[in-house]
Protein backbone atom coordinates (compact mmCIF):
# COMPACT_ATOMS: atom_id res chain seq x y z
CA UNK A 1 0.00 0.00 0.00
CA UNK A 2 1.48 3.40 -1.05
CA UNK A 3 -0.43 5.65 1.43
CA UNK A 4 1.65 6.55 4.50
CA UNK A 5 -0.66 6.84 7.51
CA UNK A 6 2.04 7.77 9.99
CA UNK A 7 0.98 10.89 11.89
CA UNK A 8 -2.44 10.90 10.15
CA UNK A 9 -5.93 10.84 11.65
CA UNK A 10 -7.54 7.57 10.55
CA UNK A 11 -11.25 6.87 11.12
CA UNK A 12 -12.24 3.18 10.96
CA UNK A 13 -15.67 2.67 9.37
CA UNK A 14 -17.62 -0.63 9.32
CA UNK A 15 -20.35 0.11 6.76
CA UNK A 16 -23.33 -2.06 5.82
CA UNK A 17 -24.36 -2.98 2.28
CA UNK A 18 -27.80 -4.42 3.21
CA UNK A 19 -30.49 -4.04 5.93
CA UNK A 20 -30.08 -0.26 6.18
CA UNK A 21 -33.23 0.02 8.28
CA UNK A 22 -31.53 -1.70 11.22
CA UNK A 23 -28.19 0.14 10.83
CA UNK A 24 -27.20 3.41 12.49
CA UNK A 25 -26.21 6.18 10.07
CA UNK A 26 -22.61 7.18 10.68
CA UNK A 27 -21.83 10.91 11.32
CA UNK A 28 -18.14 11.85 11.51
CA UNK A 29 -16.85 15.28 12.60
CA UNK A 30 -13.81 16.95 10.96
CA UNK A 31 -12.21 20.35 11.23
CA UNK A 32 -12.41 22.86 8.40
CA UNK A 33 -9.08 23.58 6.76
CA UNK A 34 -7.30 20.26 7.47
CA UNK A 35 -5.29 19.04 4.49
CA UNK A 36 -3.85 15.57 3.65
CA UNK A 37 -4.14 14.52 7.29
CA UNK A 38 -7.43 12.60 7.48
CA UNK A 39 -8.25 9.13 6.09
CA UNK A 40 -11.02 6.58 6.30
CA UNK A 41 -10.23 2.84 6.88
CA UNK A 42 -13.34 1.15 5.48
CA UNK A 43 -14.72 -2.41 5.79
CA UNK A 44 -18.07 -3.62 4.39
CA UNK A 45 -20.43 -6.23 5.79
CA UNK A 46 -23.76 -7.93 4.94
CA UNK A 47 -26.03 -10.44 6.71
CA UNK A 48 -23.30 -13.07 6.39
CA UNK A 49 -20.60 -10.97 8.10
CA UNK A 50 -17.58 -9.06 6.78
CA UNK A 51 -17.33 -8.94 2.97
CA UNK A 52 -14.06 -9.93 1.25
CA UNK A 53 -13.22 -6.85 -0.90
CA UNK A 54 -9.78 -8.06 -2.04
CA UNK A 55 -11.30 -9.18 -5.35
CA UNK A 56 -12.05 -5.55 -6.38
CA UNK A 57 -9.43 -3.54 -8.25
CA UNK A 58 -10.65 0.02 -7.53
CA UNK A 59 -12.22 2.01 -4.68
CA UNK A 60 -13.50 5.62 -4.60
CA UNK A 61 -14.91 8.06 -2.05
CA UNK A 62 -18.01 9.75 -3.52
CA UNK A 63 -18.99 13.05 -1.86
CA UNK A 64 -21.75 15.69 -2.20
CA UNK A 65 -20.52 19.02 -0.73
CA UNK A 66 -22.71 21.56 1.13
CA UNK A 67 -23.05 23.56 -2.11
CA UNK A 68 -24.35 20.37 -3.87
CA UNK A 69 -21.10 19.95 -5.79
CA UNK A 70 -20.31 16.25 -6.35
CA UNK A 71 -16.72 15.04 -6.05
CA UNK A 72 -14.99 11.65 -6.51
CA UNK A 73 -11.67 10.69 -4.92
CA UNK A 74 -9.65 7.51 -5.53
CA UNK A 75 -8.48 5.34 -2.65
CA UNK A 76 -6.47 2.14 -2.29
CA UNK A 77 -7.44 -1.44 -1.30
CA UNK A 78 -5.37 -2.96 1.53
CA UNK A 79 -5.53 -6.66 0.59
CA UNK A 80 -3.61 -7.79 3.66
CA UNK A 81 -6.25 -6.33 6.02
CA UNK A 82 -9.31 -6.69 3.73
CA UNK A 83 -10.21 -2.99 3.80
CA UNK A 84 -9.96 0.23 1.78
CA UNK A 85 -8.02 3.38 2.68
CA UNK A 86 -9.72 6.56 1.34
CA UNK A 87 -8.48 10.14 1.87
CA UNK A 88 -10.63 12.97 3.24
CA UNK A 89 -9.16 15.67 0.95
CA UNK A 90 -8.98 19.44 1.53
CA UNK A 91 -11.63 19.96 -1.21
CA UNK A 92 -14.18 18.44 1.18
CA UNK A 93 -12.83 20.18 4.29
CA UNK A 94 -12.71 23.64 2.75
CA UNK A 95 -16.45 24.29 3.32
CA UNK A 96 -18.22 24.31 6.62
CA UNK A 97 -21.35 22.12 6.71
CA UNK A 98 -22.56 18.56 6.07
CA UNK A 99 -20.95 16.39 3.38
CA UNK A 100 -22.81 13.20 2.24
CA UNK A 101 -20.39 10.36 1.40
CA UNK A 102 -20.33 6.68 0.35
CA UNK A 103 -17.59 4.21 -0.58
CA UNK A 104 -17.72 2.46 -3.97
CA UNK A 105 -15.77 -0.70 -4.88
CA UNK A 106 -15.63 -1.73 -8.54
CA UNK A 107 -13.77 -3.97 -10.98
CA UNK A 108 -14.05 -4.90 -14.67
CA UNK A 109 -15.27 -2.89 -17.64
CA UNK A 110 -18.54 -2.41 -19.58
CA UNK A 111 -20.89 -5.42 -19.31
CA UNK A 112 -18.47 -7.25 -17.01
CA UNK A 113 -18.18 -4.37 -14.56
CA UNK A 114 -19.03 -5.22 -10.91
CA UNK A 115 -19.90 -2.35 -8.51
CA UNK A 116 -20.59 -2.53 -4.74
CA UNK A 117 -21.48 0.65 -2.77
CA UNK A 118 -21.72 1.18 0.99
CA UNK A 119 -24.47 2.89 3.01
CA UNK A 120 -24.29 6.69 2.95
CA UNK A 121 -22.56 8.35 5.90
CA UNK A 122 -22.01 12.03 6.72
CA UNK A 123 -18.99 14.21 7.50
CA UNK A 124 -19.75 17.31 9.56
CA UNK A 125 -17.13 19.93 8.68
CA UNK A 126 -16.84 22.15 11.75
CA UNK A 127 -15.58 25.71 11.47
CA UNK A 128 -11.95 26.25 12.33
CA UNK A 129 -11.15 28.46 15.36
CA UNK A 130 -7.83 29.53 13.89
CA UNK A 131 -7.11 32.98 12.37
CA UNK A 132 -4.24 33.92 10.11
CA UNK A 133 -3.36 36.95 12.31
CA UNK A 134 -3.81 35.14 15.62
CA UNK A 135 -0.66 35.05 17.74
CA UNK A 136 -0.31 32.53 20.48
CA UNK A 137 1.36 33.89 23.59
CA UNK A 138 4.70 32.30 24.35
CA UNK A 139 3.73 31.36 27.89
CA UNK A 140 0.48 29.70 26.72
CA UNK A 141 1.91 27.62 23.86
CA UNK A 142 2.70 24.60 26.07
CA UNK A 143 -0.80 24.56 27.59
CA UNK A 144 -2.39 24.82 24.14
CA UNK A 145 -0.26 21.96 22.89
CA UNK A 146 -1.40 19.77 25.80
CA UNK A 147 -5.02 20.66 25.10
CA UNK A 148 -4.62 19.74 21.43
CA UNK A 149 -2.99 16.40 22.28
CA UNK A 150 -5.65 15.56 24.84
CA UNK A 151 -8.42 16.46 22.40
CA UNK A 152 -6.87 14.31 19.70
CA UNK A 153 -6.62 11.42 22.16
CA UNK A 154 -10.25 11.92 23.14
CA UNK A 155 -11.36 11.98 19.52
CA UNK A 156 -9.40 8.83 18.74
CA UNK A 157 -10.80 7.08 21.84
CA UNK A 158 -14.33 8.12 20.85
CA UNK A 159 -13.77 6.85 17.32
CA UNK A 160 -12.46 3.56 18.69
CA UNK A 161 -15.44 3.33 21.06
CA UNK A 162 -17.92 3.94 18.20
CA UNK A 163 -16.15 1.36 16.04
CA UNK A 164 -16.16 -1.16 18.91
CA UNK A 165 -19.85 -0.46 19.57
CA UNK A 166 -20.65 -0.94 15.91
CA UNK A 167 -18.72 -4.22 15.86
CA UNK A 168 -20.52 -5.29 19.05
CA UNK A 169 -23.90 -4.52 17.48
CA UNK A 170 -22.90 -6.41 14.35
CA UNK A 171 -21.63 -9.30 16.44
CA UNK A 172 -24.85 -9.37 18.47
CA UNK A 173 -26.91 -9.37 15.28
CA UNK A 174 -24.80 -12.20 13.93
CA UNK A 175 -25.15 -14.05 17.25
CA UNK A 176 -28.93 -13.69 17.17
CA UNK A 177 -29.02 -14.96 13.59
CA UNK A 178 -26.75 -17.85 14.53
CA UNK A 179 -28.93 -18.65 17.57
CA UNK A 180 -32.05 -18.76 15.40
CA UNK A 181 -30.21 -20.95 12.92
CA UNK A 182 -28.99 -23.13 15.81
CA UNK A 183 -32.56 -23.56 17.13
CA UNK A 184 -33.75 -24.45 13.64
CA UNK A 185 -30.85 -26.85 13.19
CA UNK A 186 -31.54 -28.39 16.62
CA UNK A 187 -35.19 -28.92 15.66
CA UNK A 188 -34.10 -30.45 12.37
CA UNK A 189 -31.56 -32.58 14.25
CA UNK A 190 -34.23 -33.83 16.71
CA UNK A 191 -36.54 -34.70 13.81
CA UNK A 192 -33.68 -36.38 11.98
CA UNK A 193 -32.76 -38.30 15.15
CA UNK A 194 -36.37 -39.52 15.49
CA UNK A 195 -36.32 -40.60 11.84
CA UNK A 196 -32.91 -42.19 12.35
CA UNK A 197 -34.14 -44.18 15.38
CA UNK A 198 -37.18 -45.35 13.39
CA UNK A 199 -34.97 -46.24 10.44
CA UNK A 200 -32.56 -48.03 12.80
CA UNK A 201 -35.44 -50.09 14.23
CA UNK A 202 -36.54 -50.98 10.69
CA UNK A 203 -32.93 -51.73 9.75
CA UNK A 204 -32.48 -54.05 12.74
CA UNK A 205 -35.69 -55.90 11.86
CA UNK A 206 -34.58 -56.14 8.23
CA UNK A 207 -31.13 -57.29 9.36
CA UNK A 208 -32.70 -60.02 11.49
CA UNK A 209 -34.76 -61.17 8.51
CA UNK A 210 -31.71 -60.96 6.26
CA UNK A 211 -29.63 -62.98 8.72
CA UNK A 212 -32.29 -65.71 8.89
CA UNK A 213 -32.59 -65.71 5.10
CA UNK A 214 -28.79 -65.89 4.85
CA UNK A 215 -28.70 -68.91 7.20
CA UNK A 216 -31.34 -70.59 5.07
CA UNK A 217 -29.41 -69.71 1.90
CA UNK A 218 -26.13 -71.05 3.35
CA UNK A 219 -27.81 -74.33 4.34
CA UNK A 220 -29.36 -74.64 0.87
CA UNK A 221 -26.01 -73.77 -0.71
CA UNK A 222 -24.26 -76.47 1.32
CA UNK A 223 -26.85 -79.00 0.22
CA UNK A 224 -26.53 -77.76 -3.37
CA UNK A 225 -22.74 -78.08 -3.19
CA UNK A 226 -23.03 -81.65 -1.92
CA UNK A 227 -25.56 -82.51 -4.61
CA UNK A 228 -23.44 -80.80 -7.26
CA UNK A 229 -20.35 -82.80 -6.23
CA UNK A 230 -22.36 -86.02 -6.43
CA UNK A 231 -23.76 -84.98 -9.79
CA UNK A 232 -20.31 -84.14 -11.16
CA UNK A 233 -18.99 -87.52 -9.99
CA UNK A 234 -21.92 -89.32 -11.61
CA UNK A 235 -21.54 -87.25 -14.77
CA UNK A 236 -17.82 -88.05 -15.00
CA UNK A 237 -18.63 -91.76 -14.69
CA UNK A 238 -21.34 -91.43 -17.31
CA UNK A 239 -19.03 -89.59 -19.72
CA UNK A 240 -16.31 -92.21 -19.22
CA UNK A 241 -18.74 -95.05 -19.84
CA UNK A 242 -20.17 -93.21 -22.85
CA UNK A 243 -16.70 -92.74 -24.35
CA UNK A 244 -16.01 -96.44 -23.92
CA UNK A 245 -19.38 -97.33 -25.43
CA UNK A 246 -18.71 -95.04 -28.41
CA UNK A 247 -15.27 -96.60 -28.91
CA UNK A 248 -16.75 -100.11 -28.75
CA UNK A 249 -19.58 -99.10 -31.06
CA UNK A 250 -17.11 -97.61 -33.54
CA UNK A 251 -15.11 -100.83 -33.46
CA UNK A 252 -18.26 -102.83 -33.99
CA UNK A 253 -19.37 -100.67 -36.93
CA UNK A 254 -15.89 -100.83 -38.48
CA UNK A 255 -15.75 -104.57 -38.05
CA UNK A 256 -19.25 -105.03 -39.46
CA UNK A 257 -18.55 -102.92 -42.53
CA UNK A 258 -15.23 -104.62 -43.14
CA UNK A 259 -16.85 -108.01 -42.72
CA UNK A 260 -19.35 -107.19 -45.47
CA UNK A 261 -16.58 -106.00 -47.76
CA UNK A 262 -14.36 -108.99 -46.99
CA UNK A 263 -17.10 -111.57 -47.54
CA UNK A 264 -16.19 -111.86 -51.24
CA UNK A 265 -12.67 -112.93 -50.26
CA UNK A 266 -13.80 -115.10 -47.38
CA UNK A 267 -12.86 -118.34 -49.15
CA UNK A 268 -9.22 -117.32 -49.55
CA UNK A 269 -9.14 -116.02 -45.98
CA UNK A 270 -10.78 -119.09 -44.40
CA UNK A 271 -7.49 -120.29 -42.99
CA UNK A 272 -7.01 -116.95 -41.34
CA UNK A 273 -10.62 -117.06 -40.14
CA UNK A 274 -10.07 -120.44 -38.46
CA UNK A 275 -7.12 -118.99 -36.62
CA UNK A 276 -9.16 -115.94 -35.71
CA UNK A 277 -12.03 -118.19 -34.61
CA UNK A 278 -9.70 -119.96 -32.18
CA UNK A 279 -8.67 -116.60 -30.84
CA UNK A 280 -12.32 -115.61 -30.60
CA UNK A 281 -13.11 -118.79 -28.66
CA UNK A 282 -10.38 -117.89 -26.23
CA UNK A 283 -11.76 -114.34 -25.96
CA UNK A 284 -15.26 -115.74 -25.46
CA UNK A 285 -13.99 -117.90 -22.62
CA UNK A 286 -12.43 -114.81 -21.09
CA UNK A 287 -15.70 -112.91 -21.59
CA UNK A 288 -17.68 -115.68 -19.86
CA UNK A 289 -15.27 -115.56 -16.96
CA UNK A 290 -15.72 -111.78 -16.82
CA UNK A 291 -19.49 -112.22 -17.02
CA UNK A 292 -19.32 -114.66 -14.11
CA UNK A 293 -17.31 -112.12 -12.12
CA UNK A 294 -19.85 -109.45 -13.06
CA UNK A 295 -22.72 -111.66 -11.85
CA UNK A 296 -20.87 -112.17 -8.56
CA UNK A 297 -20.42 -108.42 -8.23
CA UNK A 298 -24.09 -107.96 -9.13
CA UNK A 299 -25.02 -110.33 -6.31
CA UNK A 300 -22.98 -108.19 -3.93
CA UNK A 301 -24.65 -105.09 -5.31
CA UNK A 302 -28.08 -106.70 -4.69
CA UNK A 303 -27.04 -107.32 -1.11
CA UNK A 304 -25.99 -103.69 -0.78
CA UNK A 305 -29.28 -102.67 -2.34
CA UNK A 306 -31.09 -104.64 0.35
CA UNK A 307 -29.10 -102.72 2.98
CA UNK A 308 -29.89 -99.46 1.21
CA UNK A 309 -33.60 -100.31 1.31
CA UNK A 310 -33.34 -100.37 5.12
CA UNK A 311 -32.35 -96.68 5.07
CA UNK A 312 -34.83 -95.79 2.33
CA UNK A 313 -37.54 -94.72 4.80
CA UNK A 314 -35.19 -92.05 6.14
CA UNK A 315 -34.22 -91.07 2.58
CA UNK A 316 -37.80 -89.92 1.90
CA UNK A 317 -37.35 -86.92 4.23
CA UNK A 318 -34.90 -85.26 1.80
CA UNK A 319 -37.57 -84.84 -0.87
CA UNK A 320 -38.35 -81.37 0.42
CA UNK A 321 -34.72 -80.41 -0.21
CA UNK A 322 -34.96 -81.91 -3.70
CA UNK A 323 -37.78 -79.49 -4.56
CA UNK A 324 -35.44 -76.52 -4.14
CA UNK A 325 -32.68 -78.37 -6.03
CA UNK A 326 -35.00 -79.54 -8.83
CA UNK A 327 -34.88 -76.22 -10.66
CA UNK A 328 -31.08 -76.36 -10.66
CA UNK A 329 -31.16 -79.95 -11.89
CA UNK A 330 -33.55 -79.05 -14.73
CA UNK A 331 -31.15 -76.35 -15.88
CA UNK A 332 -28.29 -78.84 -15.71
CA UNK A 333 -30.40 -81.46 -17.47
CA UNK A 334 -31.06 -78.99 -20.30
CA UNK A 335 -27.32 -78.41 -20.63
CA UNK A 336 -26.75 -82.20 -20.56
CA UNK A 337 -29.37 -82.74 -23.28
CA UNK A 338 -27.72 -80.08 -25.44
CA UNK A 339 -24.38 -81.83 -24.89
CA UNK A 340 -26.04 -85.16 -25.77
CA UNK A 341 -27.37 -83.65 -29.02
CA UNK A 342 -23.88 -82.42 -29.88
CA UNK A 343 -22.43 -85.83 -28.97
CA UNK A 344 -25.04 -87.60 -31.17
CA UNK A 345 -24.23 -85.26 -34.07
CA UNK A 346 -20.50 -85.91 -33.61
CA UNK A 347 -21.20 -89.65 -33.45
CA UNK A 348 -23.17 -89.51 -36.72
CA UNK A 349 -20.32 -87.65 -38.37
CA UNK A 350 -17.80 -90.13 -36.98
CA UNK A 351 -19.94 -93.00 -38.17
CA UNK A 352 -20.19 -91.53 -41.69
CA UNK A 353 -16.42 -91.04 -41.82
CA UNK A 354 -15.86 -94.60 -40.60
CA UNK A 355 -18.16 -96.01 -43.28
CA UNK A 356 -16.35 -94.04 -45.98
CA UNK A 357 -12.96 -95.27 -44.73
CA UNK A 358 -14.21 -98.87 -44.65
CA UNK A 359 -15.00 -98.84 -48.38
CA UNK A 360 -11.29 -98.40 -49.10
CA UNK A 361 -10.41 -101.76 -47.47
CA UNK A 362 -9.41 -104.33 -50.15
CA UNK A 363 -7.38 -106.87 -48.23
CA UNK A 364 -9.61 -109.69 -46.96
CA UNK A 365 -6.91 -111.11 -44.68
CA UNK A 366 -6.28 -107.70 -43.12
CA UNK A 367 -10.02 -107.32 -42.63
CA UNK A 368 -10.16 -110.59 -40.74
CA UNK A 369 -7.22 -109.57 -38.53
CA UNK A 370 -8.92 -106.20 -37.84
CA UNK A 371 -12.12 -107.99 -36.90
CA UNK A 372 -10.18 -110.18 -34.47
CA UNK A 373 -8.52 -107.11 -32.90
CA UNK A 374 -11.89 -105.41 -32.64
CA UNK A 375 -13.30 -108.43 -30.81
CA UNK A 376 -10.37 -108.29 -28.39
CA UNK A 377 -10.92 -104.58 -27.81
CA UNK A 378 -14.62 -105.16 -27.20
CA UNK A 379 -13.78 -107.87 -24.69
CA UNK A 380 -11.34 -105.53 -22.95
CA UNK A 381 -14.04 -102.77 -22.85
CA UNK A 382 -16.49 -105.23 -21.32
CA UNK A 383 -13.82 -106.14 -18.76
CA UNK A 384 -13.24 -102.43 -17.95
CA UNK A 385 -16.88 -101.85 -16.96
CA UNK A 386 -17.13 -105.06 -14.92
CA UNK A 387 -17.57 -104.46 -11.16
CA UNK A 388 -14.68 -106.01 -9.22
CA UNK A 389 -15.59 -104.83 -5.71
CA UNK A 390 -18.16 -102.78 -3.82
CA UNK A 391 -17.80 -101.30 -0.27
CA UNK A 392 -20.80 -99.99 1.71
CA UNK A 393 -20.16 -97.59 4.62
CA UNK A 394 -22.46 -95.74 7.07
CA UNK A 395 -22.42 -92.75 9.42
CA UNK A 396 -24.75 -90.72 11.70
CA UNK A 397 -24.34 -86.89 11.85
CA UNK A 398 -26.08 -83.94 13.52
CA UNK A 399 -26.10 -81.77 10.35
CA UNK A 400 -26.89 -82.22 6.68
CA UNK A 401 -23.27 -81.46 5.63
CA UNK A 402 -21.54 -84.37 3.81
CA UNK A 403 -18.96 -85.83 6.27
CA UNK A 404 -15.43 -86.39 5.00
CA UNK A 405 -14.25 -88.86 7.66
CA UNK A 406 -15.74 -91.20 10.26
CA UNK A 407 -17.29 -93.77 7.87
CA UNK A 408 -17.77 -97.39 9.11
CA UNK A 409 -18.92 -100.62 7.42
CA UNK A 410 -21.18 -101.55 10.38
CA UNK A 411 -24.65 -100.14 9.83
CA UNK A 412 -25.84 -98.15 12.90
CA UNK A 413 -29.43 -97.92 14.08
CA UNK A 414 -31.34 -94.74 13.00
CA UNK A 415 -31.56 -92.03 15.72
CA UNK A 416 -34.29 -89.36 15.81
CA UNK A 417 -33.08 -85.89 14.88
CA UNK A 418 -29.91 -87.20 13.15
CA UNK A 419 -28.89 -87.68 9.50
CA UNK A 420 -28.30 -91.30 8.37
CA UNK A 421 -25.65 -91.42 5.61
CA UNK A 422 -24.88 -94.35 3.24
CA UNK A 423 -21.83 -94.37 0.93
CA UNK A 424 -21.32 -97.07 -1.75
CA UNK A 425 -17.83 -97.22 -3.36
CA UNK A 426 -17.78 -99.36 -6.55
CA UNK A 427 -14.50 -100.44 -8.24
CA UNK A 428 -14.49 -101.53 -11.95
CA UNK A 429 -12.17 -103.72 -13.95
CA UNK A 430 -10.27 -100.69 -15.32
CA UNK A 431 -9.34 -99.71 -11.70
CA UNK A 432 -11.75 -96.71 -11.71
CA UNK A 433 -14.14 -96.14 -8.81
CA UNK A 434 -17.60 -94.66 -8.46
CA UNK A 435 -18.94 -93.26 -5.17
CA UNK A 436 -22.69 -92.94 -4.52
CA UNK A 437 -23.94 -91.21 -1.39
CA UNK A 438 -27.47 -91.08 0.03
CA UNK A 439 -28.75 -89.39 3.18
CA UNK A 440 -31.92 -89.71 5.24
CA UNK A 441 -33.13 -87.43 8.04
CA UNK A 442 -34.70 -89.33 10.94
CA UNK A 443 -37.45 -86.95 12.05
CA UNK A 444 -38.35 -86.39 15.68
CA UNK A 445 -41.90 -86.89 16.90
CA UNK A 446 -44.21 -84.97 14.63
CA UNK A 447 -41.59 -84.33 11.86
CA UNK A 448 -41.75 -85.90 8.40
CA UNK A 449 -38.64 -87.99 7.63
CA UNK A 450 -36.88 -87.07 4.38
CA UNK A 451 -34.27 -88.94 2.34
CA UNK A 452 -32.12 -88.04 -0.69
CA UNK A 453 -29.80 -89.98 -3.00
CA UNK A 454 -28.17 -89.92 -6.44
CA UNK A 455 -29.51 -92.55 -8.87
CA UNK A 456 -27.54 -94.31 -11.64
CA UNK A 457 -28.42 -91.51 -14.06
CA UNK A 458 -26.77 -88.89 -11.82
CA UNK A 459 -30.15 -87.45 -10.77
CA UNK A 460 -30.96 -86.28 -7.21
CA UNK A 461 -33.93 -88.26 -5.84
CA UNK A 462 -35.71 -86.90 -2.74
CA UNK A 463 -38.77 -88.45 -1.08
CA UNK A 464 -40.92 -88.06 2.02
CA UNK A 465 -42.54 -90.82 4.02
């Protein structure tokens, strides 16, 4: 700031820009004839408090003199203190009487110009008591100087008091506004708290319902996971058996087609056929032995089936669970049917390609050897799907979660309120195994027993008694 205020009389003004009706009009006294010694330090305020005027680039003091002459004087903006410093020039103080003034802040040009003006205040120019020919006595000069100093101190103290009073009034107005806002906010807070408590009660009820629903969902998910694992195991066994069946069927089709083609050369290949027939007889003997072993295994399976029938009454209680799982199974069944359609189409294509390749065979002896090999492969495939052993295990649990350990071959007696599990592990001639699990819930008095199992088609079967 370029204005030097040292040794100058500075009047601090806090001027309103709104609500003039509740603001006191400022009246400032000044002595006629003073020159370059008086300044105004101006701050503006509105209903929100002190206004930040540092964004304005210009400030002026507008004055209407006692003779109605209008004057305009430039001031400076003190950005560090958020106020304007405006001079009270000798042009204003040259005439005795009342001078109407306001402070104008502005920035920008033309349509972008922003102007903010304070409330009007008044400067009362008092007549000077000095005379050009007045001579102050030497012995009275010290007393006069003391009087002048004391008067200046009084004026400054009065100015400070008026400024402090104005700030107090402004602060009180702001406090009242804040108190009203606080009361309104407190009322809003109380209403919001009531709504929050109601919402919290609703939330807790909803949370309780959600928790119960979640427990139900988790239990259903556990059951679904168990069923899904059983289904995947059954599906893997089905796919493996299907692949073997397709391979055997392909061999049979190839052999059949080649046999038809080789029939014309059968006479020349009879010797080879006799040899192949001997081999076939040997394979047939092996097949009969395998069939006998399969019948033995089937007898064991029938025994296990009899044991399974004992637990069947408990199995019926799982039918209710099957209802919820049925929709999932239907979706999976649809996917399986689509896969079956694709497999059938691939099989038809494979069959067509095999028939085309067969027509190129022209060696009757080779055809007979191929037929013999195909018979051996078919016998091996039959051996692979033959049951070599079957183990039946049991277990009682408190929950419907599939147990991983604790199985025993001794069948326990059903207990009310517990889950009766049966696991059948079947081993085939190709060293592969298949595990089938069934569960039955033994209901307490008044409850309906439910049982569930996976059938040979990989389907979940649930029934109630």
